C-alpha cells in the first residue's frame, strides 16, 4: 500500500510532464492564417451591377434567344414579301425552215411545181409584271413585242415583211368569297408580328433569368466570404483558449483534459475554415462561369471579391401592388395574350376557308402592227385594236373536309390559348404571394437571428468570466463558442437569404432589369 501510494504521485507527474511536452511540440501551423493569398494569384473585385452586365454580354442563352428574335423579325418580312411585285423578262429567237407541199395563202402564188422552202424567223421579248394585292387579288401587265419575217422568194401578199407586232395585256383577278379582303390576307403577317413580339418577351425573360441567377450566386459568394470570417473568428477564439489553457497547465492549475479539449476544438475549427475556404472557391467558380469568360481565362486561377454589401432594412412592400405589377409586366402574360390573338386570327382565316372560291376575272388588251418597231408601238397604243372580257369563276370541293377539320382544330387552339392565359395569371399570383411571404419571413429571421447572436455573445462572455474564476470548464466555454459561431452563421444566412428573396421577388414582378436601369434594344 505504501509503495503503491508513493508511486502514484510520481506516475501522475510523469504523465503530466509528458503531456506538456507533447503539447509544446505541436506544429506552429495550427495558429497560421491558412487563407493567405498564394503568390502570383490574381484577384479581382466585382460589383453586383458589373457582374450582371458582364453576364449578359457573352451569355450563350442570350445569344441564342437574340438569334431567335431576329429570325422572327425575318418571318415578318417573308410574309410581307408575298405582296411584292414580280418582274420577268423572256426573250426568244425562233427559226423554222419547212418544205411546202401546197401553196400558202399570202406566202406563195399559184400551184407549186417543185419543193419550195418556207423560211420563217421570229424575235420576241415578253415583259411581264405582276403583284398580289392585299385584297387577295392579282394584277398582271404583259407587254410582248415581236418581229417576224419569211424568205423573200415566197413572201408575196404580206403587208409587212419583216413585220412588227405589239401586244399589251392587262389581267385582274379578285376573289369575292374565299381569300377575299384585307384582314384575311394580312392574317399571316399579323401572326408573324405576334410571334416576333412573343420572342421579344422570351428574350426579355431570359435576360431577367440570367440577371437573377447572377444575383443569387453573387449573394452566395458574399455569404461564403462572411462565413469564412466567422470560421476564422471561431478558430482565433479556440487558439486563445488553447494558449490560456496551456499556460494554466504549465502552472499546474489546470488539468491536461482541458488542454486536450481545447486542442480538439481547435482542430475542428481548422476543418471548418478549410471547408469555408473551399465553399468560397466553389462559389467563385460558379460566378465566373456566369460571367462567361473565355476558356483560357477560365483555366487561370482568379479570385473574385464581391464589393456590394447586403441590405438589412425592410423595403416597402404591398402584396396587391406586387401582384398588379407582375400581371402588368411579366413576359408570360404578354406571350399568352399574343397567343390568344394569333389563335383568333388563325380561327378567322380557317372560317374563311370554309367558303367556296368565287373570283372575278377581267382582261383588257391592245394590239399593233407595223413595218418597224416604232410604227408597231404607235399603233399598239392608238387604241384602234383592242380586246376585253370579264367573267366569274366558281369552285367548291364537295365535302370540304380539310377546311372543316382545320377550322375545328383552330377553334380548339383558340380555347387552349385562353385557358393558358388564365393558368399563367393564377401561377403568377401564387408565385408573387409566396415571394412576398419569403421576403417578410427572411426579414423576421434577421431580427430573430440577430437577437440569438447577441444572446450567444453575452452567454459566452459570462462563461468566460466564470472560467477565469474557476466556476466553469473548458468544455462549457467551447460549447458557447460553437453556439456563437452557429448564431453568427445563422444571422449571415438570414441576411443573405433576405437579399436573395428580394431578388426572387423582383424576378416574380419582372422588375429585375429596373434595379440596374437596363433597357433592351
Protein backbone atom coordinates (compact mmCIF):
# COMPACT_ATOMS: atom_id res chain seq x y z
CA UNK A 1 0.00 0.00 0.00
CA UNK A 2 2.79 2.43 0.90
CA UNK A 3 4.67 1.57 -2.24
CA UNK A 4 1.65 1.99 -4.39
CA UNK A 5 0.69 5.25 -2.78
CA UNK A 6 4.17 6.67 -3.25
CA UNK A 7 4.31 5.58 -6.89
CA UNK A 8 1.00 7.17 -7.90
CA UNK A 9 2.13 10.80 -7.44
CA UNK A 10 5.32 10.10 -9.38
CA UNK A 11 3.37 8.39 -12.21
CA UNK A 12 0.95 11.33 -12.39
CA UNK A 13 3.82 13.81 -12.50
CA UNK A 14 5.50 11.87 -15.33
CA UNK A 15 2.23 11.76 -17.34
CA UNK A 16 1.67 15.48 -16.81
CA UNK A 17 5.22 16.36 -17.91
CA UNK A 18 4.88 14.09 -20.94
CA UNK A 19 1.58 15.73 -21.87
CA UNK A 20 3.08 19.19 -21.54
CA UNK A 21 6.00 18.15 -23.68
CA UNK A 22 3.63 16.77 -26.35
CA UNK A 23 1.63 19.99 -26.36
CA UNK A 24 4.72 22.15 -26.72
CA UNK A 25 5.93 20.03 -29.65
CA UNK A 26 2.79 20.63 -31.81
CA UNK A 27 3.49 22.34 -35.17
CA UNK A 28 3.12 26.09 -35.28
CA UNK A 29 0.84 25.78 -38.35
CA UNK A 30 -2.19 25.39 -36.12
CA UNK A 31 -2.09 29.10 -35.48
CA UNK A 32 -1.20 30.16 -39.05
CA UNK A 33 -3.59 32.07 -41.30
CA UNK A 34 -4.30 29.41 -43.89
CA UNK A 35 -6.27 31.83 -46.06
CA UNK A 36 -3.33 33.99 -47.08
CA UNK A 37 -3.28 34.61 -50.86
CA UNK A 38 -0.97 32.47 -52.92
CA UNK A 39 1.92 34.42 -54.53
CA UNK A 40 1.05 35.31 -58.15
CA UNK A 41 -2.64 34.68 -57.61
CA UNK A 42 -4.86 37.17 -59.46
CA UNK A 43 -7.62 38.93 -57.59
CA UNK A 44 -10.47 41.00 -58.95
CA UNK A 45 -13.19 42.99 -57.24
CA UNK A 46 -16.64 42.84 -58.78
CA UNK A 47 -19.87 44.67 -58.00
CA UNK A 48 -23.30 43.16 -58.46
CA UNK A 49 -24.24 45.54 -61.27
CA UNK A 50 -20.97 44.90 -63.09
CA UNK A 51 -21.44 41.15 -62.74
CA UNK A 52 -24.96 41.40 -64.19
CA UNK A 53 -23.81 43.39 -67.22
CA UNK A 54 -20.83 41.13 -67.88
CA UNK A 55 -23.02 38.05 -67.65
CA UNK A 56 -25.36 39.46 -70.29
CA UNK A 57 -22.64 40.42 -72.74
CA UNK A 58 -21.48 36.92 -73.66
CA UNK A 59 -24.18 34.61 -72.31
CA UNK A 60 -24.86 31.76 -74.73
CA UNK A 61 -28.56 31.51 -73.88
CA UNK A 62 -28.91 35.23 -74.53
CA UNK A 63 -27.14 34.88 -77.88
CA UNK A 64 -29.45 32.02 -78.89
CA UNK A 65 -32.53 33.97 -77.84
CA UNK A 66 -31.30 37.05 -79.71
CA UNK A 67 -30.87 35.00 -82.88
CA UNK A 68 -34.37 33.54 -82.45
CA UNK A 69 -35.75 37.04 -82.10
CA UNK A 70 -34.02 38.16 -85.29
CA UNK A 71 -35.34 35.12 -87.14
CA UNK A 72 -38.88 36.03 -86.05
CA UNK A 73 -38.39 39.51 -87.46
CA UNK A 74 -37.27 37.91 -90.71
CA UNK A 75 -40.53 35.91 -90.76
CA UNK A 76 -42.47 39.18 -90.91
CA UNK A 77 -40.56 40.28 -93.99
CA UNK A 78 -41.14 36.86 -95.57
CA UNK A 79 -44.91 37.23 -95.14
CA UNK A 80 -44.89 40.83 -96.37
CA UNK A 81 -42.82 39.87 -99.41
CA UNK A 82 -45.74 37.81 -100.71
CA UNK A 83 -47.23 41.12 -101.86
CA UNK A 84 -44.06 42.37 -103.54
CA UNK A 85 -44.24 42.97 -107.33
CA UNK A 86 -42.66 40.38 -109.59
CA UNK A 87 -40.96 41.30 -112.89
CA UNK A 88 -39.97 38.78 -115.54
CA UNK A 89 -38.39 39.22 -118.96
CA UNK A 90 -38.36 36.46 -121.56
CA UNK A 91 -36.50 36.85 -124.86
CA UNK A 92 -36.69 34.28 -127.66
CA UNK A 93 -35.42 33.75 -131.19
CA UNK A 94 -37.04 31.08 -133.36
CA UNK A 95 -36.35 29.97 -136.95
CA UNK A 96 -38.38 27.40 -138.79
CA UNK A 97 -37.42 26.11 -142.27
CA UNK A 98 -40.11 23.85 -143.75
CA UNK A 99 -40.70 22.37 -147.24
CA UNK A 100 -44.01 23.45 -148.71
CA UNK A 101 -46.31 20.78 -150.10
CA UNK A 102 -49.08 23.21 -151.03
CA UNK A 103 -49.46 26.92 -151.58
CA UNK A 104 -49.59 29.14 -148.52
CA UNK A 105 -52.05 31.95 -148.55
CA UNK A 106 -50.17 35.19 -148.54
CA UNK A 107 -46.89 33.37 -148.95
CA UNK A 108 -46.98 31.76 -152.43
CA UNK A 109 -48.95 32.19 -155.61
CA UNK A 110 -50.29 29.56 -157.95
CA UNK A 111 -49.62 25.86 -157.98
CA UNK A 112 -46.30 24.56 -156.71
CA UNK A 113 -44.27 22.65 -159.31
CA UNK A 114 -41.36 21.84 -157.03
CA UNK A 115 -40.43 21.68 -153.35
CA UNK A 116 -40.34 25.21 -152.07
CA UNK A 117 -38.61 26.25 -148.85
CA UNK A 118 -40.60 28.28 -146.37
CA UNK A 119 -38.11 30.03 -144.01
CA UNK A 120 -39.79 31.82 -141.10
CA UNK A 121 -37.88 33.73 -138.42
CA UNK A 122 -39.15 35.47 -135.31
CA UNK A 123 -37.70 37.55 -132.50
CA UNK A 124 -39.79 38.23 -129.38
CA UNK A 125 -39.42 39.81 -125.96
CA UNK A 126 -42.02 39.35 -123.26
CA UNK A 127 -42.03 41.69 -120.27
CA UNK A 128 -44.41 40.66 -117.51
CA UNK A 129 -45.08 42.44 -114.22
CA UNK A 130 -47.47 41.08 -111.63
CA UNK A 131 -48.28 41.62 -107.98
CA UNK A 132 -50.51 40.08 -105.37
CA UNK A 133 -52.86 42.63 -103.86
CA UNK A 134 -53.55 42.95 -100.15
CA UNK A 135 -57.23 42.45 -101.02
CA UNK A 136 -56.40 38.92 -102.20
CA UNK A 137 -56.45 39.77 -105.90
CA UNK A 138 -53.76 39.72 -108.54
CA UNK A 139 -52.86 42.29 -111.16
CA UNK A 140 -50.74 41.40 -114.20
CA UNK A 141 -49.35 43.55 -117.03
CA UNK A 142 -47.84 41.84 -120.08
CA UNK A 143 -46.09 43.54 -122.98
CA UNK A 144 -44.79 41.32 -125.81
CA UNK A 145 -43.36 43.00 -128.94
CA UNK A 146 -42.26 40.58 -131.67
CA UNK A 147 -40.56 40.70 -135.12
CA UNK A 148 -41.24 38.02 -137.75
CA UNK A 149 -40.08 37.52 -141.34
CA UNK A 150 -40.17 34.93 -144.13
CA UNK A 151 -37.82 34.30 -147.05
CA UNK A 152 -38.28 36.77 -149.88
CA UNK A 153 -38.81 34.22 -152.69
CA UNK A 154 -42.15 33.21 -151.19
CA UNK A 155 -43.03 36.46 -149.44
CA UNK A 156 -45.88 37.51 -151.67
CA UNK A 157 -49.03 39.04 -150.31
CA UNK A 158 -47.62 40.10 -146.89
CA UNK A 159 -48.35 43.70 -145.95
CA UNK A 160 -45.12 43.93 -143.99
CA UNK A 161 -42.14 41.64 -144.30
CA UNK A 162 -40.48 41.78 -141.89
CA UNK A 163 -43.36 42.76 -139.64
CA UNK A 164 -43.53 44.04 -136.06
CA UNK A 165 -46.39 43.28 -133.71
CA UNK A 166 -47.01 44.63 -130.24
CA UNK A 167 -49.27 43.17 -127.60
CA UNK A 168 -50.20 44.82 -124.31
CA UNK A 169 -52.48 42.91 -121.91
CA UNK A 170 -53.92 43.74 -118.50
CA UNK A 171 -55.36 40.97 -116.32
CA UNK A 172 -57.07 41.47 -112.98
CA UNK A 173 -58.33 38.69 -110.68
CA UNK A 174 -60.14 39.30 -107.41
CA UNK A 175 -61.57 36.64 -105.05
CA UNK A 176 -65.05 37.53 -103.80
CA UNK A 177 -65.50 34.90 -101.04
CA UNK A 178 -62.56 32.71 -100.03
CA UNK A 179 -59.30 34.65 -99.52
CA UNK A 180 -61.12 37.95 -100.09
CA UNK A 181 -60.42 41.06 -98.01
CA UNK A 182 -57.52 42.89 -96.44
CA UNK A 183 -57.97 41.37 -92.98
CA UNK A 184 -57.83 37.78 -94.26
CA UNK A 185 -54.80 38.37 -96.43
CA UNK A 186 -52.89 40.10 -93.61
CA UNK A 187 -53.50 37.18 -91.24
CA UNK A 188 -50.08 35.62 -91.51
CA UNK A 189 -48.32 38.98 -91.37
CA UNK A 190 -50.08 39.70 -88.07
CA UNK A 191 -49.29 36.21 -86.79
CA UNK A 192 -45.62 36.70 -87.67
CA UNK A 193 -45.67 40.07 -85.90
CA UNK A 194 -47.20 38.44 -82.83
CA UNK A 195 -44.57 35.70 -82.91
CA UNK A 196 -41.84 38.33 -83.12
CA UNK A 197 -43.30 40.17 -80.14
CA UNK A 198 -43.60 36.91 -78.22
CA UNK A 199 -39.93 36.16 -78.97
CA UNK A 200 -39.06 39.65 -77.78
CA UNK A 201 -40.65 38.85 -74.41
CA UNK A 202 -38.97 35.43 -74.36
CA UNK A 203 -35.69 37.27 -74.87
CA UNK A 204 -36.52 39.66 -72.02
CA UNK A 205 -37.48 36.73 -69.80
CA UNK A 206 -34.14 35.02 -70.44
CA UNK A 207 -32.27 38.24 -69.72
CA UNK A 208 -34.04 38.56 -66.38
CA UNK A 209 -33.33 34.90 -65.63
CA UNK A 210 -29.61 35.42 -66.27
CA UNK A 211 -29.50 38.53 -64.07
CA UNK A 212 -31.47 36.82 -61.32
CA UNK A 213 -29.13 33.82 -61.41
CA UNK A 214 -26.15 36.17 -61.12
CA UNK A 215 -27.75 37.85 -58.12
CA UNK A 216 -28.40 34.55 -56.35
CA UNK A 217 -24.84 33.35 -56.99
CA UNK A 218 -23.34 36.71 -56.02
CA UNK A 219 -25.07 36.71 -52.63
CA UNK A 220 -23.98 33.12 -52.04
CA UNK A 221 -20.41 34.28 -52.64
CA UNK A 222 -20.94 37.11 -50.16
CA UNK A 223 -22.21 34.58 -47.62
CA UNK A 224 -19.24 32.29 -48.25
CA UNK A 225 -16.79 35.14 -47.63
CA UNK A 226 -18.54 36.28 -44.46
CA UNK A 227 -18.93 32.73 -43.24
CA UNK A 228 -15.18 32.29 -43.61
CA UNK A 229 -14.70 35.27 -41.30
CA UNK A 230 -16.97 33.62 -38.75
CA UNK A 231 -14.97 30.40 -39.01
CA UNK A 232 -11.70 32.33 -38.65
CA UNK A 233 -13.03 34.17 -35.60
CA UNK A 234 -14.06 30.85 -34.04
CA UNK A 235 -10.59 29.46 -34.81
CA UNK A 236 -8.95 32.51 -33.23
CA UNK A 237 -11.08 32.13 -30.10
CA UNK A 238 -10.11 28.47 -29.89
CA UNK A 239 -6.42 29.41 -30.29
CA UNK A 240 -6.64 31.96 -27.49
CA UNK A 241 -8.39 29.48 -25.22
CA UNK A 242 -5.77 26.85 -26.04
CA UNK A 243 -2.95 29.25 -25.26
CA UNK A 244 -4.58 30.14 -21.95
CA UNK A 245 -5.13 26.50 -21.05
CA UNK A 246 -1.54 25.63 -21.94
CA UNK A 247 -0.27 28.38 -19.67
CA UNK A 248 -2.51 27.22 -16.83
CA UNK A 249 -1.49 23.60 -17.38
CA UNK A 250 2.17 24.54 -17.16
CA UNK A 251 1.41 26.43 -13.99
CA UNK A 252 -0.31 23.32 -12.62
CA UNK A 253 -3.69 24.96 -12.14
CA UNK A 254 -5.48 23.15 -14.98
CA UNK A 255 -5.67 19.53 -15.99
CA UNK A 256 -4.41 18.05 -19.22
CA UNK A 257 -8.02 17.16 -20.14
CA UNK A 258 -8.92 20.85 -20.58
CA UNK A 259 -5.90 21.32 -22.83
CA UNK A 260 -6.83 18.31 -24.93
CA UNK A 261 -10.41 19.56 -25.23
CA UNK A 262 -9.09 22.91 -26.49
CA UNK A 263 -6.80 21.10 -28.94
CA UNK A 264 -9.67 19.03 -30.30
CA UNK A 265 -11.88 22.10 -30.66
CA UNK A 266 -9.11 23.95 -32.49
CA UNK A 267 -8.66 21.05 -34.90
CA UNK A 268 -12.40 21.13 -35.59
CA UNK A 269 -12.27 24.88 -36.18
CA UNK A 270 -9.39 24.46 -38.64
CA UNK A 271 -11.53 22.00 -40.56
CA UNK A 272 -14.38 24.50 -40.63
CA UNK A 273 -12.06 27.15 -42.03
CA UNK A 274 -10.89 24.77 -44.74
CA UNK A 275 -14.47 23.90 -45.68
CA UNK A 276 -15.40 27.60 -45.71
CA UNK A 277 -12.45 28.38 -47.97
CA UNK A 278 -13.47 25.60 -50.35
CA UNK A 279 -17.01 26.97 -50.42
CA UNK A 280 -15.66 30.37 -51.44
CA UNK A 281 -13.68 28.86 -54.31
CA UNK A 282 -16.72 26.89 -55.44
CA UNK A 283 -18.92 29.99 -55.45
CA UNK A 284 -16.22 31.99 -57.23
CA UNK A 285 -16.11 29.38 -59.98
CA UNK A 286 -19.90 29.45 -60.28
CA UNK A 287 -19.93 33.24 -60.59
CA UNK A 288 -17.03 33.25 -63.04
CA UNK A 289 -18.84 30.73 -65.22
CA UNK A 290 -21.89 33.03 -65.30
CA UNK A 291 -19.64 35.90 -66.40
CA UNK A 292 -18.77 33.81 -69.48
CA UNK A 293 -15.00 34.24 -69.71
CA UNK A 294 -13.00 32.54 -72.42
CA UNK A 295 -11.72 29.04 -71.81
CA UNK A 296 -8.15 30.21 -71.33
CA UNK A 297 -9.25 32.79 -68.77
CA UNK A 298 -11.42 30.21 -67.02
CA UNK A 299 -8.39 27.94 -66.69
CA UNK A 300 -6.49 30.64 -64.80
CA UNK A 301 -6.66 30.94 -61.02
CA UNK A 302 -8.69 34.09 -60.48
CA UNK A 303 -10.15 35.18 -57.13
CA UNK A 304 -13.32 37.30 -57.10
CA UNK A 305 -14.05 39.68 -54.26
CA UNK A 306 -17.63 41.00 -54.08
CA UNK A 307 -17.89 44.68 -53.19
CA UNK A 308 -21.63 45.06 -52.57
CA UNK A 309 -22.98 44.61 -49.07
CA UNK A 310 -26.38 43.00 -48.47
CA UNK A 311 -29.24 45.21 -47.35
CA UNK A 312 -30.76 44.62 -43.93
CA UNK A 313 -33.71 47.05 -43.98
CA UNK A 314 -37.26 46.12 -44.88
CA UNK A 315 -38.28 47.63 -48.20
CA UNK A 316 -41.85 48.95 -48.58
CA UNK A 317 -43.95 46.00 -49.62
CA UNK A 318 -47.57 45.68 -50.74
CA UNK A 319 -48.88 42.30 -51.81
CA UNK A 320 -51.64 43.63 -54.06
CA UNK A 321 -49.33 46.18 -55.65
CA UNK A 322 -46.74 43.46 -56.29
CA UNK A 323 -49.40 41.26 -57.93
CA UNK A 324 -50.59 44.14 -60.11
CA UNK A 325 -47.04 44.93 -61.23
CA UNK A 326 -46.38 41.27 -62.02
CA UNK A 327 -49.61 40.93 -64.03
CA UNK A 328 -48.71 44.05 -65.98
CA UNK A 329 -45.04 43.35 -66.65
CA UNK A 330 -44.49 39.59 -66.65
CA UNK A 331 -43.46 38.44 -70.15
CA UNK A 332 -45.60 35.33 -69.80
CA UNK A 333 -48.77 37.46 -69.71
CA UNK A 334 -47.90 39.23 -72.94
CA UNK A 335 -46.93 35.93 -74.55
CA UNK A 336 -50.24 34.35 -73.57
CA UNK A 337 -52.21 37.36 -74.85
CA UNK A 338 -50.40 37.28 -78.16
CA UNK A 339 -51.08 33.56 -78.44
CA UNK A 340 -54.78 34.29 -77.95
CA UNK A 341 -54.64 36.99 -80.63
CA UNK A 342 -52.82 34.69 -83.05
CA UNK A 343 -55.28 31.89 -82.28
CA UNK A 344 -58.21 34.16 -83.07
CA UNK A 345 -56.57 35.25 -86.34
CA UNK A 346 -55.97 31.65 -87.37
CA UNK A 347 -59.55 30.75 -86.47
CA UNK A 348 -60.94 33.57 -88.61
CA UNK A 349 -58.75 32.55 -91.52
CA UNK A 350 -59.86 28.92 -91.16
CA UNK A 351 -63.51 30.04 -91.11
CA UNK A 352 -62.92 31.94 -94.35
CA UNK A 353 -61.54 28.80 -95.96
CA UNK A 354 -64.94 27.15 -95.50
CA UNK A 355 -66.37 29.43 -98.22
CA UNK A 356 -66.43 28.47 -101.90
CA UNK A 357 -63.99 30.02 -104.31
CA UNK A 358 -65.67 32.77 -106.34
CA UNK A 359 -63.37 35.04 -108.33
CA UNK A 360 -63.85 37.89 -110.76
CA UNK A 361 -61.56 37.95 -113.77
CA UNK A 362 -61.17 40.86 -116.15
CA UNK A 363 -58.88 41.31 -119.16
CA UNK A 364 -58.01 44.19 -121.47
CA UNK A 365 -55.62 44.02 -124.40
CA UNK A 366 -54.17 46.34 -127.06
CA UNK A 367 -52.56 45.28 -130.35
CA UNK A 368 -50.44 46.93 -133.03
CA UNK A 369 -48.78 46.13 -136.37
CA UNK A 370 -46.10 47.85 -138.42
CA UNK A 371 -43.12 47.54 -140.65
CA UNK A 372 -40.78 48.58 -137.85
CA UNK A 373 -40.92 48.74 -134.08
CA UNK A 374 -41.73 52.43 -133.89
CA UNK A 375 -44.74 52.06 -136.19
CA UNK A 376 -45.99 48.97 -134.33
CA UNK A 377 -45.52 50.71 -130.95
CA UNK A 378 -47.50 53.76 -132.07
CA UNK A 379 -50.40 51.69 -133.37
CA UNK A 380 -50.24 49.46 -130.24
CA UNK A 381 -51.19 52.42 -128.05
CA UNK A 382 -53.52 54.10 -130.51
CA UNK A 383 -56.49 52.14 -129.20
CA UNK A 384 -57.64 51.10 -132.67
CA UNK A 385 -57.07 47.41 -131.99
CA UNK A 386 -58.16 46.01 -128.66
CA UNK A 387 -59.91 43.22 -126.80
CA UNK A 388 -61.53 42.92 -123.40
CA UNK A 389 -63.50 40.44 -121.37
CA UNK A 390 -64.83 39.68 -117.89
CA UNK A 391 -66.17 36.64 -116.08
CA UNK A 392 -66.73 34.80 -112.82
CA UNK A 393 -65.16 31.51 -111.73
CA UNK A 394 -66.82 29.40 -109.04
CA UNK A 395 -65.43 26.24 -107.44
CA UNK A 396 -66.12 24.32 -104.26
CA UNK A 397 -64.72 20.97 -103.08
CA UNK A 398 -67.52 18.56 -102.24
CA UNK A 399 -67.49 17.85 -98.51
CA UNK A 400 -64.64 20.33 -97.92
CA UNK A 401 -63.40 18.06 -95.12
CA UNK A 402 -59.91 19.52 -94.96
CA UNK A 403 -61.20 23.06 -94.35
CA UNK A 404 -63.77 21.87 -91.79
CA UNK A 405 -61.18 19.87 -89.85
CA UNK A 406 -58.73 22.76 -89.89
CA UNK A 407 -61.41 25.13 -88.60
CA UNK A 408 -62.28 22.76 -85.74
CA UNK A 409 -58.61 22.47 -84.87
CA UNK A 410 -58.17 26.26 -84.83
CA UNK A 411 -61.17 26.59 -82.53
CA UNK A 412 -59.61 24.19 -80.03
CA UNK A 413 -56.28 26.02 -80.22
CA UNK A 414 -58.01 29.34 -79.51
CA UNK A 415 -59.75 27.87 -76.44
CA UNK A 416 -56.46 26.41 -75.23
CA UNK A 417 -54.79 29.80 -75.57
CA UNK A 418 -57.47 31.40 -73.39
CA UNK A 419 -57.10 28.66 -70.78
CA UNK A 420 -53.32 29.10 -70.87
CA UNK A 421 -53.68 32.81 -70.05
CA UNK A 422 -55.88 32.03 -67.06
CA UNK A 423 -53.38 29.44 -65.88
CA UNK A 424 -50.46 31.83 -66.24
CA UNK A 425 -52.26 34.54 -64.26
CA UNK A 426 -53.00 32.10 -61.45
CA UNK A 427 -49.40 30.87 -61.36
CA UNK A 428 -48.10 34.44 -61.24
CA UNK A 429 -50.42 35.39 -58.39
CA UNK A 430 -49.45 32.35 -56.33
CA UNK A 431 -45.76 32.87 -57.11
CA UNK A 432 -45.84 36.54 -56.08
CA UNK A 433 -47.68 35.72 -52.84
CA UNK A 434 -45.04 33.12 -51.99
CA UNK A 435 -42.21 35.52 -52.89
CA UNK A 436 -43.68 38.28 -50.69
CA UNK A 437 -44.07 35.88 -47.77
CA UNK A 438 -40.48 34.75 -48.23
CA UNK A 439 -39.24 38.35 -48.08
CA UNK A 440 -41.23 39.03 -44.92
CA UNK A 441 -40.16 35.77 -43.28
CA UNK A 442 -36.47 36.25 -44.10
CA UNK A 443 -36.52 39.79 -42.72
CA UNK A 444 -38.02 38.49 -39.47
CA UNK A 445 -35.30 35.84 -39.46
CA UNK A 446 -32.72 38.65 -39.50
CA UNK A 447 -34.24 40.12 -36.35
CA UNK A 448 -34.51 36.80 -34.53
CA UNK A 449 -31.06 35.54 -35.53
CA UNK A 450 -29.55 38.90 -34.53
CA UNK A 451 -31.13 38.56 -31.10
CA UNK A 452 -29.88 34.97 -30.85
CA UNK A 453 -26.37 36.09 -31.80
CA UNK A 454 -26.39 38.86 -29.18
CA UNK A 455 -27.55 36.40 -26.52
CA UNK A 456 -24.84 33.93 -27.59
CA UNK A 457 -22.21 36.66 -27.24
CA UNK A 458 -23.42 37.50 -23.74
CA UNK A 459 -23.53 33.86 -22.72
CA UNK A 460 -20.02 33.26 -23.99
CA UNK A 461 -18.72 36.35 -22.23
CA UNK A 462 -20.36 35.28 -18.97
CA UNK A 463 -19.00 31.74 -19.26
CA UNK A 464 -15.50 33.05 -19.95
CA UNK A 465 -15.70 35.13 -16.78
CA UNK A 466 -16.82 32.05 -14.86
CA UNK A 467 -13.88 30.11 -16.29
CA UNK A 468 -11.45 32.77 -15.10
CA UNK A 469 -12.62 32.35 -11.52
CA UNK A 470 -12.79 28.56 -11.78
CA UNK A 471 -16.56 28.24 -11.83
CA UNK A 472 -16.73 26.73 -15.33
CA UNK A 473 -14.85 24.31 -17.53
CA UNK A 474 -13.23 24.42 -20.92
CA UNK A 475 -15.92 22.20 -22.38
CA UNK A 476 -18.66 24.69 -21.49
CA UNK A 477 -16.69 27.61 -22.95
CA UNK A 478 -16.08 25.65 -26.16
CA UNK A 479 -19.78 24.85 -26.37
CA UNK A 480 -20.68 28.51 -26.07
CA UNK A 481 -18.03 29.42 -28.65
CA UNK A 482 -19.61 26.90 -31.00
CA UNK A 483 -23.07 28.27 -30.24
CA UNK A 484 -21.87 31.80 -31.02
CA UNK A 485 -20.36 30.72 -34.35
CA UNK A 486 -23.60 28.94 -35.21
CA UNK A 487 -25.63 32.03 -34.28
CA UNK A 488 -23.35 34.26 -36.37
CA UNK A 489 -23.68 31.88 -39.31
CA UNK A 490 -27.46 31.82 -38.92
CA UNK A 491 -27.59 35.61 -38.92
CA UNK A 492 -25.43 35.76 -42.05
CA UNK A 493 -27.62 33.17 -43.72
CA UNK A 494 -30.77 35.13 -42.84
CA UNK A 495 -29.30 38.36 -44.23
CA UNK A 496 -28.18 36.70 -47.47
CA UNK A 497 -31.47 34.83 -47.80
CA UNK A 498 -33.32 38.14 -47.38
CA UNK A 499 -31.35 39.67 -50.25
CA UNK A 500 -31.92 36.57 -52.36
CA UNK A 501 -35.63 36.81 -51.57
CA UNK A 502 -35.66 40.43 -52.74
CA UNK A 503 -34.05 39.26 -55.96
CA UNK A 504 -36.61 36.48 -56.25
CA UNK A 505 -39.49 38.93 -55.69
CA UNK A 506 -38.11 41.28 -58.36
CA UNK A 507 -37.94 38.32 -60.73
CA UNK A 508 -41.56 37.44 -60.00
CA UNK A 509 -42.60 41.07 -60.58
CA UNK A 510 -40.43 41.27 -63.73
CA UNK A 511 -38.64 44.36 -62.36
CA UNK A 512 -35.19 42.76 -62.27
CA UNK A 513 -33.82 44.96 -65.05
CA UNK A 514 -35.26 48.11 -63.48
CA UNK A 515 -32.97 47.60 -60.50
CA UNK A 516 -29.99 48.15 -62.81
CA UNK A 517 -31.63 50.61 -65.21
CA UNK A 518 -31.12 48.17 -68.07
CA UNK A 519 -33.12 48.55 -71.26
CA UNK A 520 -33.42 46.07 -74.12
CA UNK A 521 -32.89 47.45 -77.60
